[in-house]
Each structure stands twice: as structure tokens, then as C-alpha cells.
Amino acid sequence: MPFRSTRAKLVLTPEVESRLGTVARSHSEPVQRVERASILLAYAAGESVSAIARRLATNRPKIERCVDKALQLGPLAALEDLPGRGKPPAITPEARAWLVALACQKPKDLGYSAELWTTRLLAFHVRQHCTAQGHPSLQRLARGTVSKILRHSQVRPHKISYYLERRDPDFEAKMAQVLYVYREVQILREAGRADASQVAVLSYDEKPGIQVIENTALDLPPVPGRHPSVSRDHEYIRHGTLSLLAGIDLLTGHVHGLVADRHRSREFVEFLQGVDRFYPPSATIRIILDNHSAHLSKETRGYLATVPNRFDFVFTPKHGSWLNLVETFFAKLARTLLRGIRGASKAELRERIERHLQELNQEPVVMKWTYGLDSLSVA
């Protein structure tokens, strides 16, 4: 006489059957959920428990437990583990919270010489002090468990990420002033009034510390099939540093530059004198620049007094050098001309930088600022 199962049939609504099918075909769901969904779909389709076990290469008790749970709690609830299953965690939530709180402190504040935690040091400290703090479950804590707890809490005390503290109370107002200058430049360009007869707008800054380095041996050129890149001896000779004082005309793209040994007030005044000679006497020269001491020194103000109404300084906020468009020019210069540059003397390197500026001014590129301009209202 054929075997007849006394277990009730599993009836699935179209919606539940569709959801079970989605889980059973998923490549991202946990394996347990995928397997349980396949079991329930097969049982609802009329397959026997033995046939399902053979097809899924598992055992009958596992199939029966899944089916019975679906009949008792519902098909979707059967996809999950019942509460209270599995081994209870050995480390209490309070102990985990205490460990994470320790990780948020610096080890030097707890008497260690290290600045940042390592998993080994943190595990050692926890094992030494957990019993006294009321967390004996951490007595056998290992480095791997420390990593898991910190990863779950999204804490990485061995890493450093940098931020910039806003120290200028007038940051917003000064930033708006700089953005209004960029907006004015945009309006002048759109109106076709980019000539310097009335106004010139410069973005200015200094790039100090350009190293003058000489090779001790000749560079070797690439050799096809053998050496794909330039070969350079690792030894070199230092000849000091140079500073580049540069200002970009935001209307025409012309680059004004002065290469000097230093960037004091006298070099800044020399730069201003060169700019003064370049533009018509009727033009107002508006310059966006930072708060370097040379820009407001007694020597600089003495020169500005000799050319009244000629220059109009617009200062960026403190720690707001990213608002100065010339920084983009310096970044590109570091990636192109200055990358790997060598020179036998300061005079040679100065001549090459000046020649590069001349090459740029043969086909000037107008740099444009766009961030934050749409939010400005122009009266």
C-alpha cells in the first residue's frame, strides 16, 4: 500500500509564492533563506519530503522542520531563525560597549606610550582590566574578536582622518565676498567686457619651497623593449629653493609670475609693480589673495600709498585657501612642469619656470569658478 503523508498541505497565495521565488533565485540572500524558500516552494508544488531532500542533497529532518515551521507560523516567517536559537553570546553587550568606549580614547591617556591603538594593545589592556571593571567575559579576548567588535561598531581607532577647524568667525561673510568677485567676473565675460581698460581681476598666491635639485649622473632615456621609462640615479645635490609668486587674470587667462629666492614683502611689492606696469593706468586691479603677513606689511602698505585707488584687495577667509582659484593653477604646475624637474642652479630653474609661463601666455586658458555662484543674488 503506497505511503500517504499525514502532514498538511502548504497553500501559498500568489503574492507569497512570488516572494519565495524571488528569494530562491537570489544570489545575494543568505544561503539559509534561499534553501528554505526552495524547500517551501517544492513542498507546496506537491513534492514529497524524501524527494526534496534528495534533490537538495540534505536530510529529511531538516525538510520536516522547515515545513512544520511554515505550517505553524507562515511561509515567510519560516525563512528566519526562531528567536533564542544558537549559542548565547559569551561577551555581554555591556562588555562590548566598554571595549568600544576604550577604543575611543587614546592609549597615551591610559598610561601607554603609543599614540594610536593596535588590536594587540587594546586586547592586552582589556584582559588586564576587564575583571576590575565588571566584565569577566572579556578575560580571554583575542585580537580577532576586538576587530569584529570594532568593525560592527564602525570604529577604527588605528586610523587618522584629517579635518580643518574653522577659526575665522567671519568665514561666511568673507567667502561670500570672494564668490561675489567670481560672479562679477562671470557677468563681465558673458557681457563680452573682458578687456582690462576698466578693471582687472587677479587670483594671486605664492608657491614657496620649489626645490632646486641637480643630478649627480645623467638621466638615461627609455630604451624600447628594455627600459620603458627614464632612468635616474638616486643621488642628487640640493641647491636651495625658489618661490613662485603668481597671479592669474580671471578675465583673460594671462599668468603674471615672479620667481624669487624668497617671498617677503619686497618680493610681493615687486610683483605688484610688475602688474601695475602691465595694465592701463585707468584700470582698477582687484586681487584675490590670502592673509599672508607680507600682504599687509608696513612695506606693502607703504607702496600701496604711492598708487592710491589702483589696487583692491579681496582676502580669503582664514583656512579658506581653497577659495582661491590660483591654487588650481599651482596644482597643475606641480603635476606637469615641476614633476621630477632637475636643475644645475637656481638661475637655470628660474629661467625654465619663466619660459613655461611665457608658453602658457601664448595660448592663455581662462579659469572659471562655478561652485556656489548659483546661490548668489546679484542686485
Protein backbone atom coordinates (compact mmCIF):
# COMPACT_ATOMS: atom_id res chain seq x y z
CA MET A 1 0.00 0.00 0.00
CA PRO A 2 1.58 3.36 -1.03
CA PHE A 3 2.70 5.74 1.73
CA ARG A 4 0.39 8.65 2.41
CA SER A 5 1.68 11.65 4.30
CA THR A 6 -0.41 12.86 7.19
CA ARG A 7 1.27 16.29 7.13
CA ALA A 8 -0.99 19.10 5.94
CA LYS A 9 -0.54 20.69 2.55
CA LEU A 10 1.10 24.09 2.30
CA VAL A 11 -1.08 26.61 0.49
CA LEU A 12 0.65 29.70 -0.88
CA THR A 13 -1.02 32.87 -2.08
CA PRO A 14 0.27 34.29 -5.39
CA GLU A 15 1.98 37.14 -3.52
CA VAL A 16 3.76 34.83 -1.05
CA GLU A 17 4.72 32.43 -3.83
CA SER A 18 6.24 35.32 -5.80
CA ARG A 19 8.27 36.48 -2.80
CA LEU A 20 9.52 32.96 -2.10
CA GLY A 21 10.52 32.60 -5.75
CA THR A 22 12.48 35.85 -5.59
CA VAL A 23 14.39 34.65 -2.51
CA ALA A 24 15.03 31.20 -4.01
CA ARG A 25 16.58 32.75 -7.16
CA SER A 26 18.59 35.38 -5.30
CA HIS A 27 22.38 35.47 -5.41
CA SER A 28 22.70 37.94 -2.54
CA GLU A 29 20.37 36.46 0.11
CA PRO A 30 21.84 34.26 2.88
CA VAL A 31 22.13 30.60 1.90
CA GLN A 32 19.74 29.50 4.65
CA ARG A 33 16.94 31.72 3.35
CA VAL A 34 17.49 30.59 -0.24
CA GLU A 35 17.40 26.91 0.77
CA ARG A 36 14.29 27.31 2.94
CA ALA A 37 12.44 29.17 0.16
CA SER A 38 13.29 26.35 -2.28
CA ILE A 39 12.01 23.75 0.23
CA LEU A 40 8.70 25.55 0.73
CA LEU A 41 8.11 26.07 -2.99
CA ALA A 42 8.83 22.40 -3.71
CA TYR A 43 6.58 21.16 -0.89
CA ALA A 44 3.74 23.47 -1.96
CA ALA A 45 4.12 22.12 -5.52
CA GLY A 46 3.43 18.57 -4.26
CA GLU A 47 6.92 17.09 -3.90
CA SER A 48 7.43 14.66 -1.05
CA VAL A 49 9.81 15.29 1.80
CA SER A 50 12.12 12.50 0.60
CA ALA A 51 12.20 13.83 -2.96
CA ILE A 52 13.03 17.34 -1.76
CA ALA A 53 15.80 16.01 0.49
CA ARG A 54 17.35 14.03 -2.39
CA ARG A 55 17.17 16.95 -4.83
CA LEU A 56 18.69 19.45 -2.41
CA ALA A 57 21.23 16.92 -1.07
CA THR A 58 20.11 17.32 2.54
CA ASN A 59 18.22 15.24 5.15
CA ARG A 60 14.55 14.64 5.90
CA PRO A 61 14.52 16.15 9.44
CA LYS A 62 15.73 19.44 8.05
CA ILE A 63 12.97 19.48 5.43
CA GLU A 64 10.36 18.50 8.01
CA ARG A 65 11.41 21.22 10.44
CA CYS A 66 11.17 23.87 7.72
CA VAL A 67 7.75 22.66 6.53
CA ASP A 68 6.34 22.35 10.05
CA LYS A 69 7.52 25.87 10.88
CA ALA A 70 5.80 27.19 7.73
CA LEU A 71 2.57 25.40 8.62
CA GLN A 72 2.67 26.78 12.16
CA LEU A 73 3.99 30.33 11.69
CA GLY A 74 3.53 31.07 7.99
CA PRO A 75 5.81 30.67 4.93
CA LEU A 76 7.61 33.98 5.25
CA ALA A 77 8.27 33.55 8.98
CA ALA A 78 9.74 30.13 8.23
CA LEU A 79 12.57 31.74 6.31
CA GLU A 80 14.03 33.17 9.54
CA ASP A 81 15.56 31.52 12.58
CA LEU A 82 13.34 31.31 15.59
CA PRO A 83 14.32 33.62 18.45
CA GLY A 84 16.55 32.07 21.07
CA ARG A 85 18.26 29.66 18.70
CA GLY A 86 22.02 29.25 18.67
CA LYS A 87 24.68 29.57 21.32
CA PRO A 88 24.18 32.60 23.57
CA PRO A 89 26.90 35.22 23.15
CA ALA A 90 29.73 34.91 25.63
CA ILE A 91 30.52 38.64 25.59
CA THR A 92 27.77 40.76 27.08
CA PRO A 93 26.52 43.94 25.41
CA GLU A 94 27.83 45.95 28.35
CA ALA A 95 31.31 44.50 27.85
CA ARG A 96 31.21 45.33 24.15
CA ALA A 97 30.18 48.90 24.92
CA TRP A 98 33.04 49.22 27.43
CA LEU A 99 35.55 47.94 24.84
CA VAL A 100 34.29 50.40 22.21
CA ALA A 101 34.50 53.23 24.75
CA LEU A 102 38.13 52.30 25.43
CA ALA A 103 38.87 52.31 21.71
CA CYS A 104 37.54 55.87 21.51
CA GLN A 105 40.22 57.03 23.97
CA LYS A 106 43.90 57.47 23.23
CA PRO A 107 46.25 54.85 24.72
CA LYS A 108 48.59 57.60 25.92
CA ASP A 109 45.77 58.83 28.19
CA LEU A 110 45.74 55.39 29.82
CA GLY A 111 49.46 55.31 30.53
CA TYR A 112 50.82 53.80 27.32
CA SER A 113 53.45 55.33 25.05
CA ALA A 114 51.53 54.67 21.84
CA GLU A 115 49.50 57.41 20.15
CA LEU A 116 47.03 55.05 18.46
CA TRP A 117 45.58 51.68 19.41
CA THR A 118 46.54 48.41 17.81
CA THR A 119 44.29 45.38 18.21
CA ARG A 120 47.05 43.64 20.14
CA LEU A 121 47.50 46.51 22.60
CA LEU A 122 43.76 47.03 23.04
CA ALA A 123 43.17 43.32 23.67
CA PHE A 124 46.01 43.31 26.21
CA HIS A 125 44.60 46.32 28.06
CA VAL A 126 41.11 44.82 28.13
CA ARG A 127 42.31 41.48 29.51
CA GLN A 128 44.25 43.29 32.24
CA HIS A 129 41.37 45.46 33.43
CA CYS A 130 38.11 43.73 32.44
CA THR A 131 37.55 41.90 35.74
CA ALA A 132 38.04 45.03 37.82
CA GLN A 133 35.57 46.87 35.57
CA GLY A 134 32.94 44.13 35.94
CA HIS A 135 33.31 42.46 32.55
CA PRO A 136 34.80 39.00 33.18
CA SER A 137 33.50 37.78 29.82
CA LEU A 138 36.48 39.57 28.22
CA GLN A 139 39.18 37.66 30.13
CA ARG A 140 40.15 35.60 27.06
CA LEU A 141 39.64 38.33 24.49
CA ALA A 142 41.66 37.83 21.28
CA ARG A 143 42.74 40.33 18.62
CA GLY A 144 40.30 38.92 16.09
CA THR A 145 37.35 39.45 18.41
CA VAL A 146 38.49 43.04 19.00
CA SER A 147 38.50 43.61 15.25
CA LYS A 148 34.98 42.15 14.87
CA ILE A 149 33.54 44.24 17.71
CA LEU A 150 35.12 47.45 16.42
CA ARG A 151 34.09 46.72 12.83
CA HIS A 152 30.48 46.14 13.94
CA SER A 153 30.55 49.47 15.80
CA GLN A 154 32.22 51.22 12.83
CA VAL A 155 35.17 52.38 14.94
CA ARG A 156 38.71 52.36 13.54
CA PRO A 157 40.99 53.75 16.25
CA HIS A 158 44.15 52.82 14.31
CA LYS A 159 43.24 55.26 11.51
CA ILE A 160 43.59 59.05 11.28
CA SER A 161 41.35 61.24 9.13
CA TYR A 162 42.05 64.96 8.96
CA TYR A 163 39.65 67.87 9.28
CA LEU A 164 40.04 71.62 9.09
CA GLU A 165 38.84 73.64 12.04
CA ARG A 166 37.00 76.82 11.13
CA ARG A 167 38.85 79.52 13.05
CA ASP A 168 37.60 82.62 11.26
CA PRO A 169 34.36 83.94 12.82
CA ASP A 170 33.69 85.91 9.63
CA PHE A 171 34.28 82.94 7.34
CA GLU A 172 30.85 83.05 5.66
CA ALA A 173 30.98 86.78 5.01
CA LYS A 174 34.50 86.66 3.57
CA MET A 175 33.65 83.65 1.44
CA ALA A 176 30.61 85.46 0.05
CA GLN A 177 32.81 88.44 -0.80
CA VAL A 178 35.18 86.22 -2.80
CA LEU A 179 32.28 84.50 -4.54
CA TYR A 180 30.80 87.85 -5.50
CA VAL A 181 34.08 88.70 -7.23
CA TYR A 182 33.89 85.43 -9.18
CA ARG A 183 30.27 86.22 -10.02
CA GLU A 184 31.28 89.67 -11.27
CA VAL A 185 33.93 88.06 -13.48
CA GLN A 186 31.32 85.69 -14.88
CA ILE A 187 28.98 88.58 -15.71
CA LEU A 188 31.77 90.55 -17.40
CA ARG A 189 32.72 87.57 -19.56
CA GLU A 190 29.11 86.90 -20.56
CA ALA A 191 28.72 90.58 -21.48
CA GLY A 192 31.87 90.47 -23.62
CA ARG A 193 33.66 93.03 -21.44
CA ALA A 194 36.80 91.05 -20.67
CA ASP A 195 39.16 93.89 -21.56
CA ALA A 196 41.28 95.44 -18.81
CA SER A 197 40.52 99.08 -19.58
CA GLN A 198 38.26 99.42 -16.52
CA VAL A 199 39.00 96.51 -14.21
CA ALA A 200 41.37 93.56 -13.94
CA VAL A 201 40.72 90.66 -11.57
CA LEU A 202 43.63 88.51 -10.42
CA SER A 203 43.77 85.37 -8.31
CA TYR A 204 47.12 85.51 -6.51
CA ASP A 205 49.21 83.33 -4.22
CA GLU A 206 52.77 82.17 -3.61
CA LYS A 207 54.23 78.72 -4.13
CA PRO A 208 57.31 78.53 -1.91
CA GLY A 209 59.77 75.70 -1.47
CA ILE A 210 60.35 74.75 -5.12
CA GLN A 211 63.45 72.61 -4.69
CA VAL A 212 66.45 73.16 -6.95
CA ILE A 213 67.90 69.67 -7.32
CA GLU A 214 70.79 68.64 -9.55
CA ASN A 215 71.50 65.11 -10.72
CA THR A 216 74.87 63.58 -9.93
CA ALA A 217 74.62 61.40 -13.06
CA LEU A 218 72.92 61.79 -16.41
CA ASP A 219 69.34 60.63 -16.86
CA LEU A 220 69.11 57.60 -19.16
CA PRO A 221 66.42 57.79 -21.85
CA PRO A 222 63.88 54.99 -22.41
CA VAL A 223 65.04 52.02 -24.47
CA PRO A 224 62.29 50.21 -26.41
CA GLY A 225 61.90 46.65 -25.20
CA ARG A 226 64.31 47.09 -22.28
CA HIS A 227 63.68 50.22 -20.19
CA PRO A 228 60.23 51.78 -20.72
CA SER A 229 60.86 54.85 -18.55
CA VAL A 230 63.52 57.44 -17.86
CA SER A 231 66.18 56.02 -15.53
CA ARG A 232 67.61 58.32 -12.88
CA ASP A 233 70.33 57.86 -10.31
CA HIS A 234 69.03 58.10 -6.76
CA GLU A 235 71.69 60.54 -5.59
CA TYR A 236 71.30 64.29 -6.08
CA ILE A 237 72.65 67.67 -4.99
CA ARG A 238 70.49 70.35 -3.38
CA HIS A 239 70.89 73.99 -4.38
CA GLY A 240 68.23 75.53 -2.15
CA THR A 241 64.69 76.56 -3.04
CA LEU A 242 62.79 79.11 -5.10
CA SER A 243 59.42 80.77 -4.65
CA LEU A 244 56.90 81.46 -7.39
CA LEU A 245 54.62 84.47 -6.93
CA ALA A 246 51.81 84.09 -9.44
CA GLY A 247 48.55 85.79 -10.30
CA ILE A 248 46.05 84.64 -12.93
CA ASP A 249 43.92 87.17 -14.76
CA LEU A 250 40.43 85.69 -14.44
CA LEU A 251 39.15 87.64 -17.46
CA THR A 252 41.90 86.90 -19.98
CA GLY A 253 43.77 83.91 -18.54
CA HIS A 254 47.11 85.75 -18.59
CA VAL A 255 49.53 84.47 -15.92
CA HIS A 256 51.68 87.01 -14.07
CA GLY A 257 54.68 85.43 -12.41
CA LEU A 258 57.73 86.34 -10.41
CA VAL A 259 60.35 83.75 -9.48
CA ALA A 260 62.42 84.78 -6.47
CA ASP A 261 64.58 83.26 -3.76
CA ARG A 262 62.09 84.26 -1.07
CA HIS A 263 58.54 85.59 -0.77
CA ARG A 264 58.79 88.54 1.59
CA SER A 265 57.15 91.94 1.40
CA ARG A 266 59.75 93.27 -1.02
CA GLU A 267 59.07 90.42 -3.48
CA PHE A 268 55.34 90.98 -3.18
CA VAL A 269 55.81 94.71 -3.85
CA GLU A 270 57.94 93.83 -6.87
CA PHE A 271 55.12 91.64 -8.15
CA LEU A 272 52.59 94.45 -7.67
CA GLN A 273 54.85 96.85 -9.54
CA GLY A 274 55.03 94.47 -12.48
CA VAL A 275 51.24 94.12 -12.52
CA ASP A 276 50.89 97.90 -12.29
CA ARG A 277 53.06 98.34 -15.39
CA PHE A 278 51.11 95.69 -17.32
CA TYR A 279 47.61 97.21 -17.08
CA PRO A 280 46.39 100.63 -18.28
CA PRO A 281 46.56 103.39 -15.67
CA SER A 282 42.77 103.77 -15.74
CA ALA A 283 42.09 100.18 -14.66
CA THR A 284 41.36 99.08 -11.10
CA ILE A 285 43.29 95.92 -10.26
CA ARG A 286 41.27 93.68 -7.96
CA ILE A 287 43.32 90.87 -6.38
CA ILE A 288 42.02 87.81 -4.51
CA LEU A 289 44.69 86.72 -2.01
CA ASP A 290 45.18 85.15 1.40
CA ASN A 291 46.14 86.70 4.74
CA HIS A 292 49.90 86.26 4.50
CA SER A 293 51.76 88.82 6.60
CA ALA A 294 53.59 90.17 3.55
CA HIS A 295 50.27 91.24 2.02
CA LEU A 296 49.55 93.70 4.84
CA SER A 297 53.03 94.61 6.00
CA LYS A 298 54.27 98.13 6.54
CA GLU A 299 56.40 97.92 3.39
CA THR A 300 53.43 96.75 1.29
CA ARG A 301 51.11 99.43 2.63
CA GLY A 302 53.80 102.00 2.00
CA TYR A 303 53.88 101.06 -1.67
CA LEU A 304 50.09 100.99 -1.94
CA ALA A 305 50.01 104.54 -0.58
CA THR A 306 52.04 105.65 -3.61
CA VAL A 307 49.39 104.26 -6.01
CA PRO A 308 46.07 105.18 -4.39
CA ASN A 309 42.90 103.57 -5.77
CA ARG A 310 44.96 101.33 -8.04
CA PHE A 311 44.62 98.05 -6.15
CA ASP A 312 41.63 96.49 -4.44
CA PHE A 313 42.48 93.51 -2.20
CA VAL A 314 39.87 90.82 -1.52
CA PHE A 315 41.08 88.48 1.22
CA THR A 316 40.05 84.85 1.53
CA PRO A 317 38.96 83.66 5.00
CA LYS A 318 41.47 82.04 7.29
CA HIS A 319 41.88 78.37 6.28
CA GLY A 320 39.95 79.19 3.12
CA SER A 321 42.74 78.99 0.55
CA TRP A 322 40.62 76.50 -1.42
CA LEU A 323 38.52 79.51 -2.45
CA ASN A 324 41.48 80.95 -4.36
CA LEU A 325 41.38 79.79 -7.96
CA VAL A 326 45.14 80.14 -8.39
CA GLU A 327 45.53 77.01 -6.23
CA THR A 328 44.23 75.03 -9.21
CA PHE A 329 47.00 76.51 -11.33
CA PHE A 330 49.63 75.55 -8.75
CA ALA A 331 48.27 72.01 -8.53
CA LYS A 332 48.52 71.61 -12.30
CA LEU A 333 52.01 73.11 -12.27
CA ALA A 334 53.12 70.54 -9.68
CA ARG A 335 51.78 67.69 -11.83
CA THR A 336 53.36 68.94 -15.06
CA LEU A 337 56.41 71.21 -15.13
CA LEU A 338 57.66 70.66 -11.57
CA ARG A 339 57.17 66.88 -11.51
CA GLY A 340 60.65 65.39 -11.42
CA ILE A 341 62.29 68.62 -12.62
CA ARG A 342 66.07 68.95 -12.20
CA GLY A 343 68.33 71.96 -12.48
CA ALA A 344 72.03 72.63 -12.03
CA SER A 345 71.42 76.02 -10.41
CA LYS A 346 68.75 78.41 -9.25
CA ALA A 347 69.30 80.53 -12.35
CA GLU A 348 68.58 77.58 -14.61
CA LEU A 349 65.41 76.57 -12.81
CA ARG A 350 64.22 80.19 -12.64
CA GLU A 351 64.73 80.55 -16.40
CA ARG A 352 62.77 77.35 -17.10
CA ILE A 353 59.82 78.39 -14.93
CA GLU A 354 59.70 81.82 -16.56
CA ARG A 355 59.85 80.22 -20.00
CA HIS A 356 56.96 77.94 -19.02
CA LEU A 357 54.88 80.97 -18.02
CA GLN A 358 55.63 82.56 -21.39
CA GLU A 359 54.47 79.38 -23.12
CA LEU A 360 51.23 79.43 -21.15
CA ASN A 361 50.58 83.07 -22.07
CA GLN A 362 50.93 82.29 -25.77
CA GLU A 363 47.62 80.40 -25.53
CA PRO A 364 46.06 81.57 -22.24
CA VAL A 365 43.34 79.48 -20.64
CA VAL A 366 40.61 81.30 -18.73
CA MET A 367 39.93 79.55 -15.43
CA LYS A 368 36.34 79.63 -14.23
CA TRP A 369 34.88 79.26 -10.75
CA THR A 370 31.39 77.71 -10.56
CA TYR A 371 30.87 76.40 -7.02
CA GLY A 372 28.34 78.41 -5.03
CA LEU A 373 27.69 81.04 -7.70
CA ASP A 374 24.12 79.93 -8.42
CA SER A 375 23.12 80.68 -4.82
CA LEU A 376 24.28 84.30 -5.02
CA SER A 377 21.87 87.11 -5.73
CA VAL A 378 23.16 89.98 -7.81
CA ALA A 379 21.46 93.32 -7.12
